[in-house]
Amino acid sequence: MSGPNTPVRQAVILAGGQATRLRPYTDTRPKAMVEVADRPIIDYQLEWLASHGVEHVVVSCGYKAEVLREHLDGHPAGPDITLLVEDEPLGRGGALRYAASGLYESPEPYFALNGDVLTWFPLDEFTAYHRDKGGAATLALAQYQTSWGIVDVTDDGAIEGFTQSPMLPFWINAGVYVFEPSATELLPAKGDHESTTFPELAAQGRLFGYRINGFWRGVDTVKDVKEAGEQIPALRGSARVT
């Protein structure tokens, strides 16, 4: 049994999907294998998880699974990795449930990551927050940054200035979770958890959100790859990666 200070030692990564908006990068590889600053996204994720005590990671994949398998077979020392290949597209919720079936310690909580997320924040604090709330699942939340420029305008129409891509006072699902086993049972066999499991847990008061205080970037488009590739070297150079 895990105590209040026991680290979460297992995780799943959703690395399926064709990611058409990332073409041509994904013509020959799955999204998790797209390179950002000369490293595949999944390598950053595995390194981050391992640095917080994660010992076993299940990777659920489908599209171009052989590319991921070849890469992970030669992966340097780190967490044990189990690769599960979907015979058919299961949706994100179905993929989560399928991936969880490969965990060594099924009665224990686990982290879950979307395969297109680059982030660094303290997972021990995330875990402590989750346990303090006592819910079935906790979502990491990232502050929403608009890609549009904002015009600062007075009530009488005078423009005072411009702000490029500001942070807005809204929070979005960051694609990083911590799940209790009881939440796994509520995941759909096929379909999306955000339209089924999460609303159900929220209605029961068993779903909570943890606001990230750290770097987060979703990699959905070619533009994201280029911009994240410029951000990450600067972050690592300034030791802002946790």
C-alpha atoms as a PDB file:
ATOM      1  CA  MET A   1       0.000   0.000   0.000  1.00  0.00           C
ATOM      2  CA  SER A   2       1.190   3.515  -0.779  1.00  0.00           C
ATOM      3  CA  GLY A   3       1.484   6.091   1.973  1.00  0.00           C
ATOM      4  CA  PRO A   4       0.993   9.865   1.711  1.00  0.00           C
ATOM      5  CA  ASN A   5       4.644  10.442   0.788  1.00  0.00           C
ATOM      6  CA  THR A   6       5.177   7.422  -1.442  1.00  0.00           C
ATOM      7  CA  PRO A   7       6.158   8.505  -4.961  1.00  0.00           C
ATOM      8  CA  VAL A   8       4.176   7.311  -7.934  1.00  0.00           C
ATOM      9  CA  ARG A   9       6.466   4.817  -9.655  1.00  0.00           C
ATOM     10  CA  GLN A  10       4.557   3.967 -12.811  1.00  0.00           C
ATOM     11  CA  ALA A  11       3.210   5.834 -15.819  1.00  0.00           C
ATOM     12  CA  VAL A  12       1.607   5.426 -19.212  1.00  0.00           C
ATOM     13  CA  ILE A  13       2.294   7.441 -22.360  1.00  0.00           C
ATOM     14  CA  LEU A  14      -0.211   7.673 -25.212  1.00  0.00           C
ATOM     15  CA  ALA A  15       1.885   7.571 -28.373  1.00  0.00           C
ATOM     16  CA  GLY A  16      -0.724   6.552 -30.956  1.00  0.00           C
ATOM     17  CA  GLY A  17      -2.457   8.669 -33.569  1.00  0.00           C
ATOM     18  CA  GLN A  18      -1.321   9.832 -36.982  1.00  0.00           C
ATOM     19  CA  ALA A  19      -0.937  13.547 -36.155  1.00  0.00           C
ATOM     20  CA  THR A  20      -1.798  14.832 -39.625  1.00  0.00           C
ATOM     21  CA  ARG A  21      -1.188  18.450 -38.563  1.00  0.00           C
ATOM     22  CA  LEU A  22       2.462  17.564 -37.937  1.00  0.00           C
ATOM     23  CA  ARG A  23       3.168  16.391 -41.461  1.00  0.00           C
ATOM     24  CA  PRO A  24       5.709  16.024 -43.003  1.00  0.00           C
ATOM     25  CA  TYR A  25       7.359  15.123 -39.637  1.00  0.00           C
ATOM     26  CA  THR A  26       4.860  12.322 -39.052  1.00  0.00           C
ATOM     27  CA  ASP A  27       4.971  10.836 -42.548  1.00  0.00           C
ATOM     28  CA  THR A  28       7.632   8.402 -41.318  1.00  0.00           C
ATOM     29  CA  ARG A  29       7.182   8.335 -37.536  1.00  0.00           C
ATOM     30  CA  PRO A  30       4.551   8.652 -34.790  1.00  0.00           C
ATOM     31  CA  LYS A  31       4.079  11.978 -33.075  1.00  0.00           C
ATOM     32  CA  ALA A  32       6.014  10.930 -29.963  1.00  0.00           C
ATOM     33  CA  MET A  33       9.082  10.363 -32.159  1.00  0.00           C
ATOM     34  CA  VAL A  34       9.057  13.851 -33.700  1.00  0.00           C
ATOM     35  CA  GLU A  35      12.326  15.554 -32.807  1.00  0.00           C
ATOM     36  CA  VAL A  36      12.334  18.847 -30.913  1.00  0.00           C
ATOM     37  CA  ALA A  37      15.781  20.388 -30.460  1.00  0.00           C
ATOM     38  CA  ASP A  38      17.279  17.179 -31.904  1.00  0.00           C
ATOM     39  CA  ARG A  39      15.560  14.775 -29.474  1.00  0.00           C
ATOM     40  CA  PRO A  40      12.300  12.815 -29.819  1.00  0.00           C
ATOM     41  CA  ILE A  41       9.476  14.080 -27.620  1.00  0.00           C
ATOM     42  CA  ILE A  42       9.236  10.726 -25.850  1.00  0.00           C
ATOM     43  CA  ASP A  43      12.886  10.949 -24.725  1.00  0.00           C
ATOM     44  CA  TYR A  44      12.155  14.168 -22.848  1.00  0.00           C
ATOM     45  CA  GLN A  45       9.127  12.531 -21.239  1.00  0.00           C
ATOM     46  CA  LEU A  46      10.968   9.402 -20.152  1.00  0.00           C
ATOM     47  CA  GLU A  47      13.830  11.455 -18.720  1.00  0.00           C
ATOM     48  CA  TRP A  48      11.408  13.681 -16.781  1.00  0.00           C
ATOM     49  CA  LEU A  49       9.474  10.723 -15.374  1.00  0.00           C
ATOM     50  CA  ALA A  50      12.646   8.873 -14.385  1.00  0.00           C
ATOM     51  CA  SER A  51      14.002  11.962 -12.600  1.00  0.00           C
ATOM     52  CA  HIS A  52      10.948  11.812 -10.312  1.00  0.00           C
ATOM     53  CA  GLY A  53      11.256   8.134  -9.427  1.00  0.00           C
ATOM     54  CA  VAL A  54       9.110   6.491 -12.093  1.00  0.00           C
ATOM     55  CA  GLU A  55      10.380   2.950 -12.628  1.00  0.00           C
ATOM     56  CA  HIS A  56       7.977   1.488 -15.194  1.00  0.00           C
ATOM     57  CA  VAL A  57       6.354   3.134 -18.218  1.00  0.00           C
ATOM     58  CA  VAL A  58       3.781   1.601 -20.536  1.00  0.00           C
ATOM     59  CA  VAL A  59       3.764   3.153 -24.016  1.00  0.00           C
ATOM     60  CA  SER A  60       0.563   2.667 -25.994  1.00  0.00           C
ATOM     61  CA  CYS A  61       0.987   3.108 -29.739  1.00  0.00           C
ATOM     62  CA  GLY A  62      -0.487   2.231 -33.115  1.00  0.00           C
ATOM     63  CA  TYR A  63       0.589   4.331 -36.101  1.00  0.00           C
ATOM     64  CA  LYS A  64       4.204   3.574 -37.150  1.00  0.00           C
ATOM     65  CA  ALA A  65       4.634   1.447 -34.017  1.00  0.00           C
ATOM     66  CA  GLU A  66       7.717  -0.234 -35.454  1.00  0.00           C
ATOM     67  CA  VAL A  67       9.624   3.072 -35.434  1.00  0.00           C
ATOM     68  CA  LEU A  68       8.852   3.562 -31.762  1.00  0.00           C
ATOM     69  CA  ARG A  69       9.709  -0.042 -30.922  1.00  0.00           C
ATOM     70  CA  GLU A  70      13.110   0.175 -32.609  1.00  0.00           C
ATOM     71  CA  HIS A  71      13.913   3.400 -30.769  1.00  0.00           C
ATOM     72  CA  LEU A  72      12.815   2.167 -27.341  1.00  0.00           C
ATOM     73  CA  ASP A  73      14.616  -1.163 -27.727  1.00  0.00           C
ATOM     74  CA  GLY A  74      17.863   0.789 -27.871  1.00  0.00           C
ATOM     75  CA  HIS A  75      16.926   3.285 -25.212  1.00  0.00           C
ATOM     76  CA  PRO A  76      19.586   4.005 -22.566  1.00  0.00           C
ATOM     77  CA  ALA A  77      19.143   3.170 -18.894  1.00  0.00           C
ATOM     78  CA  GLY A  78      15.956   4.509 -17.388  1.00  0.00           C
ATOM     79  CA  PRO A  79      12.544   3.154 -16.457  1.00  0.00           C
ATOM     80  CA  ASP A  80      11.452  -0.278 -17.636  1.00  0.00           C
ATOM     81  CA  ILE A  81       9.375   0.179 -20.785  1.00  0.00           C
ATOM     82  CA  THR A  82       6.456  -1.948 -21.948  1.00  0.00           C
ATOM     83  CA  LEU A  83       5.184  -1.285 -25.477  1.00  0.00           C
ATOM     84  CA  LEU A  84       1.548  -2.100 -26.240  1.00  0.00           C
ATOM     85  CA  VAL A  85       0.332  -1.838 -29.834  1.00  0.00           C
ATOM     86  CA  GLU A  86      -3.320  -1.084 -30.522  1.00  0.00           C
ATOM     87  CA  ASP A  87      -4.831  -3.431 -33.122  1.00  0.00           C
ATOM     88  CA  GLU A  88      -7.312  -0.694 -33.979  1.00  0.00           C
ATOM     89  CA  PRO A  89      -7.679   2.972 -32.987  1.00  0.00           C
ATOM     90  CA  LEU A  90      -9.192   3.085 -29.505  1.00  0.00           C
ATOM     91  CA  GLY A  91      -9.440   6.825 -28.928  1.00  0.00           C
ATOM     92  CA  ARG A  92      -7.556   8.527 -26.123  1.00  0.00           C
ATOM     93  CA  GLY A  93      -9.753   7.120 -23.362  1.00  0.00           C
ATOM     94  CA  GLY A  94      -9.602   3.610 -24.763  1.00  0.00           C
ATOM     95  CA  ALA A  95      -5.841   3.903 -25.210  1.00  0.00           C
ATOM     96  CA  LEU A  96      -5.468   4.956 -21.574  1.00  0.00           C
ATOM     97  CA  ARG A  97      -7.457   1.973 -20.378  1.00  0.00           C
ATOM     98  CA  TYR A  98      -5.503  -0.362 -22.651  1.00  0.00           C
ATOM     99  CA  ALA A  99      -2.153   1.053 -21.503  1.00  0.00           C
ATOM    100  CA  ALA A 100      -3.111   0.725 -17.838  1.00  0.00           C
ATOM    101  CA  SER A 101      -3.614  -3.009 -18.393  1.00  0.00           C
ATOM    102  CA  GLY A 102       0.145  -3.324 -18.889  1.00  0.00           C
ATOM    103  CA  LEU A 103       1.170  -1.814 -15.549  1.00  0.00           C
ATOM    104  CA  TYR A 104       3.055  -4.098 -13.165  1.00  0.00           C
ATOM    105  CA  GLU A 105       1.313  -2.719 -10.065  1.00  0.00           C
ATOM    106  CA  SER A 106      -2.295  -2.408 -11.174  1.00  0.00           C
ATOM    107  CA  PRO A 107      -3.689  -1.499  -7.709  1.00  0.00           C
ATOM    108  CA  GLU A 108      -1.350   1.520  -7.475  1.00  0.00           C
ATOM    109  CA  PRO A 109      -1.831   5.065  -8.825  1.00  0.00           C
ATOM    110  CA  TYR A 110      -0.035   6.086 -12.013  1.00  0.00           C
ATOM    111  CA  PHE A 111       0.810   9.095 -14.129  1.00  0.00           C
ATOM    112  CA  ALA A 112      -0.528   9.397 -17.673  1.00  0.00           C
ATOM    113  CA  LEU A 113       0.870  11.620 -20.417  1.00  0.00           C
ATOM    114  CA  ASN A 114      -0.252  12.488 -23.896  1.00  0.00           C
ATOM    115  CA  GLY A 115       2.578  11.725 -26.303  1.00  0.00           C
ATOM    116  CA  ASP A 116       2.694  15.262 -27.709  1.00  0.00           C
ATOM    117  CA  VAL A 117       3.417  17.150 -24.475  1.00  0.00           C
ATOM    118  CA  LEU A 118       6.675  18.751 -23.388  1.00  0.00           C
ATOM    119  CA  THR A 119       6.644  19.878 -19.778  1.00  0.00           C
ATOM    120  CA  TRP A 120       8.697  20.132 -16.620  1.00  0.00           C
ATOM    121  CA  PHE A 121       7.142  20.640 -13.211  1.00  0.00           C
ATOM    122  CA  PRO A 122       7.620  18.865  -9.837  1.00  0.00           C
ATOM    123  CA  LEU A 123       5.721  15.598  -9.963  1.00  0.00           C
ATOM    124  CA  ASP A 124       6.158  15.110  -6.211  1.00  0.00           C
ATOM    125  CA  GLU A 125       4.108  18.268  -5.596  1.00  0.00           C
ATOM    126  CA  PHE A 126       1.568  17.097  -8.182  1.00  0.00           C
ATOM    127  CA  THR A 127       1.256  13.773  -6.362  1.00  0.00           C
ATOM    128  CA  ALA A 128       0.957  15.408  -2.931  1.00  0.00           C
ATOM    129  CA  TYR A 129      -1.783  17.709  -4.221  1.00  0.00           C
ATOM    130  CA  HIS A 130      -3.665  14.738  -5.713  1.00  0.00           C
ATOM    131  CA  ARG A 131      -3.513  12.765  -2.472  1.00  0.00           C
ATOM    132  CA  ASP A 132      -4.510  15.756  -0.372  1.00  0.00           C
ATOM    133  CA  LYS A 133      -7.657  16.212  -2.489  1.00  0.00           C
ATOM    134  CA  GLY A 134      -8.533  12.530  -2.251  1.00  0.00           C
ATOM    135  CA  GLY A 135     -10.037  12.324  -5.718  1.00  0.00           C
ATOM    136  CA  ALA A 136      -9.958   9.593  -8.331  1.00  0.00           C
ATOM    137  CA  ALA A 137      -7.969  11.646 -10.832  1.00  0.00           C
ATOM    138  CA  THR A 138      -6.130  14.960 -11.019  1.00  0.00           C
ATOM    139  CA  LEU A 139      -5.418  16.890 -14.192  1.00  0.00           C
ATOM    140  CA  ALA A 140      -2.403  19.114 -14.646  1.00  0.00           C
ATOM    141  CA  LEU A 141      -3.593  22.476 -15.978  1.00  0.00           C
ATOM    142  CA  ALA A 142      -1.599  24.876 -18.135  1.00  0.00           C
ATOM    143  CA  GLN A 143      -2.407  28.557 -18.424  1.00  0.00           C
ATOM    144  CA  TYR A 144      -3.787  29.363 -21.844  1.00  0.00           C
ATOM    145  CA  GLN A 145      -1.526  31.415 -24.087  1.00  0.00           C
ATOM    146  CA  THR A 146      -3.205  32.827 -27.155  1.00  0.00           C
ATOM    147  CA  SER A 147      -1.371  32.806 -30.470  1.00  0.00           C
ATOM    148  CA  TRP A 148      -3.042  36.108 -31.349  1.00  0.00           C
ATOM    149  CA  GLY A 149      -1.759  39.543 -30.555  1.00  0.00           C
ATOM    150  CA  ILE A 150      -3.899  41.593 -28.160  1.00  0.00           C
ATOM    151  CA  VAL A 151      -4.747  45.237 -28.794  1.00  0.00           C
ATOM    152  CA  ASP A 152      -4.858  47.442 -25.683  1.00  0.00           C
ATOM    153  CA  VAL A 153      -7.688  49.866 -26.385  1.00  0.00           C
ATOM    154  CA  THR A 154      -9.503  52.370 -24.169  1.00  0.00           C
ATOM    155  CA  ASP A 155     -13.282  52.738 -23.912  1.00  0.00           C
ATOM    156  CA  ASP A 156     -13.189  55.698 -26.294  1.00  0.00           C
ATOM    157  CA  GLY A 157     -11.260  53.728 -28.919  1.00  0.00           C
ATOM    158  CA  ALA A 158      -7.733  55.009 -28.406  1.00  0.00           C
ATOM    159  CA  ILE A 159      -5.120  52.293 -28.949  1.00  0.00           C
ATOM    160  CA  GLU A 160      -2.470  52.365 -26.234  1.00  0.00           C
ATOM    161  CA  GLY A 161      -0.330  49.452 -27.373  1.00  0.00           C
ATOM    162  CA  PHE A 162      -0.076  45.834 -28.390  1.00  0.00           C
ATOM    163  CA  THR A 163       0.742  42.606 -26.538  1.00  0.00           C
ATOM    164  CA  GLN A 164       1.924  39.617 -28.567  1.00  0.00           C
ATOM    165  CA  SER A 165       0.623  36.174 -27.501  1.00  0.00           C
ATOM    166  CA  PRO A 166      -0.203  36.962 -23.856  1.00  0.00           C
ATOM    167  CA  MET A 167      -1.213  34.504 -21.163  1.00  0.00           C
ATOM    168  CA  LEU A 168      -4.968  34.654 -20.561  1.00  0.00           C
ATOM    169  CA  PRO A 169      -6.803  34.017 -17.267  1.00  0.00           C
ATOM    170  CA  PHE A 170      -7.972  30.571 -18.386  1.00  0.00           C
ATOM    171  CA  TRP A 171      -6.640  27.065 -17.763  1.00  0.00           C
ATOM    172  CA  ILE A 172      -6.513  24.165 -20.214  1.00  0.00           C
ATOM    173  CA  ASN A 173      -6.024  20.419 -19.849  1.00  0.00           C
ATOM    174  CA  ALA A 174      -2.242  19.949 -20.092  1.00  0.00           C
ATOM    175  CA  GLY A 175      -2.414  16.259 -21.006  1.00  0.00           C
ATOM    176  CA  VAL A 176      -0.707  15.079 -17.801  1.00  0.00           C
ATOM    177  CA  TYR A 177      -2.713  13.181 -15.186  1.00  0.00           C
ATOM    178  CA  VAL A 178      -2.443  11.116 -12.057  1.00  0.00           C
ATOM    179  CA  PHE A 179      -5.024   8.331 -11.830  1.00  0.00           C
ATOM    180  CA  GLU A 180      -6.204   6.079  -9.059  1.00  0.00           C
ATOM    181  CA  PRO A 181      -7.121   2.509 -10.092  1.00  0.00           C
ATOM    182  CA  SER A 182     -10.783   3.369  -9.473  1.00  0.00           C
ATOM    183  CA  ALA A 183     -10.606   5.899 -12.315  1.00  0.00           C
ATOM    184  CA  THR A 184      -9.196   3.308 -14.729  1.00  0.00           C
ATOM    185  CA  GLU A 185     -12.366   1.251 -14.377  1.00  0.00           C
ATOM    186  CA  LEU A 186     -14.386   4.235 -15.599  1.00  0.00           C
ATOM    187  CA  LEU A 187     -12.346   4.773 -18.774  1.00  0.00           C
ATOM    188  CA  PRO A 188     -14.119   3.760 -21.988  1.00  0.00           C
ATOM    189  CA  ALA A 189     -12.967   0.689 -23.904  1.00  0.00           C
ATOM    190  CA  LYS A 190     -13.106   2.893 -26.984  1.00  0.00           C
ATOM    191  CA  GLY A 191     -13.617   6.647 -27.192  1.00  0.00           C
ATOM    192  CA  ASP A 192     -12.514   9.822 -25.463  1.00  0.00           C
ATOM    193  CA  HIS A 193     -12.206  10.153 -21.687  1.00  0.00           C
ATOM    194  CA  GLU A 194     -12.712  13.922 -21.786  1.00  0.00           C
ATOM    195  CA  SER A 195     -16.326  13.510 -22.918  1.00  0.00           C
ATOM    196  CA  THR A 196     -17.139  10.494 -20.738  1.00  0.00           C
ATOM    197  CA  THR A 197     -14.965   9.718 -17.724  1.00  0.00           C
ATOM    198  CA  PHE A 198     -13.951  13.225 -16.745  1.00  0.00           C
ATOM    199  CA  PRO A 199     -17.479  14.717 -16.740  1.00  0.00           C
ATOM    200  CA  GLU A 200     -18.675  11.749 -14.689  1.00  0.00           C
ATOM    201  CA  LEU A 201     -15.897  12.164 -12.121  1.00  0.00           C
ATOM    202  CA  ALA A 202     -16.430  15.930 -12.005  1.00  0.00           C
ATOM    203  CA  ALA A 203     -20.146  15.441 -11.296  1.00  0.00           C
ATOM    204  CA  GLN A 204     -19.180  13.146  -8.417  1.00  0.00           C
ATOM    205  CA  GLY A 205     -16.679  15.670  -6.993  1.00  0.00           C
ATOM    206  CA  ARG A 206     -13.799  13.231  -7.620  1.00  0.00           C
ATOM    207  CA  LEU A 207     -11.851  15.205 -10.256  1.00  0.00           C
ATOM    208  CA  PHE A 208      -9.368  17.977  -9.449  1.00  0.00           C
ATOM    209  CA  GLY A 209      -7.029  20.326 -11.302  1.00  0.00           C
ATOM    210  CA  TYR A 210      -3.433  21.204 -10.451  1.00  0.00           C
ATOM    211  CA  ARG A 211      -2.153  24.452 -11.946  1.00  0.00           C
ATOM    212  CA  ILE A 212       1.326  24.007 -13.415  1.00  0.00           C
ATOM    213  CA  ASN A 213       3.998  26.448 -12.352  1.00  0.00           C
ATOM    214  CA  GLY A 214       6.608  25.516 -14.922  1.00  0.00           C
ATOM    215  CA  PHE A 215       7.233  24.991 -18.622  1.00  0.00           C
ATOM    216  CA  TRP A 216       4.505  23.391 -20.713  1.00  0.00           C
ATOM    217  CA  ARG A 217       4.117  23.100 -24.441  1.00  0.00           C
ATOM    218  CA  GLY A 218       1.789  21.012 -26.561  1.00  0.00           C
ATOM    219  CA  VAL A 219       3.322  19.960 -29.878  1.00  0.00           C
ATOM    220  CA  ASP A 220       0.451  19.817 -32.372  1.00  0.00           C
ATOM    221  CA  THR A 221       1.739  21.644 -35.447  1.00  0.00           C
ATOM    222  CA  VAL A 222       4.913  22.297 -37.400  1.00  0.00           C
ATOM    223  CA  LYS A 223       4.977  25.761 -35.846  1.00  0.00           C
ATOM    224  CA  ASP A 224       4.949  24.187 -32.361  1.00  0.00           C
ATOM    225  CA  VAL A 225       7.960  22.020 -33.246  1.00  0.00           C
ATOM    226  CA  LYS A 226       9.969  25.032 -34.372  1.00  0.00           C
ATOM    227  CA  GLU A 227       9.007  27.259 -31.435  1.00  0.00           C
ATOM    228  CA  ALA A 228       9.550  24.537 -28.819  1.00  0.00           C
ATOM    229  CA  GLY A 229      12.917  23.809 -30.420  1.00  0.00           C
ATOM    230  CA  GLU A 230      13.907  27.400 -29.702  1.00  0.00           C
ATOM    231  CA  GLN A 231      12.537  27.420 -26.148  1.00  0.00           C
ATOM    232  CA  ILE A 232      14.012  24.198 -24.802  1.00  0.00           C
ATOM    233  CA  PRO A 233      17.736  24.964 -25.240  1.00  0.00           C
ATOM    234  CA  ALA A 234      17.209  28.267 -23.431  1.00  0.00           C
ATOM    235  CA  LEU A 235      15.358  26.541 -20.595  1.00  0.00           C
ATOM    236  CA  ARG A 236      18.028  23.899 -20.166  1.00  0.00           C
ATOM    237  CA  GLY A 237      20.767  26.504 -20.330  1.00  0.00           C
ATOM    238  CA  SER A 238      19.162  28.465 -17.512  1.00  0.00           C
ATOM    239  CA  ALA A 239      18.529  25.300 -15.426  1.00  0.00           C
ATOM    240  CA  ARG A 240      14.767  25.931 -15.373  1.00  0.00           C
ATOM    241  CA  VAL A 241      13.997  22.294 -16.142  1.00  0.00           C
ATOM    242  CA  THR A 242      12.769  20.354 -13.110  1.00  0.00           C
END
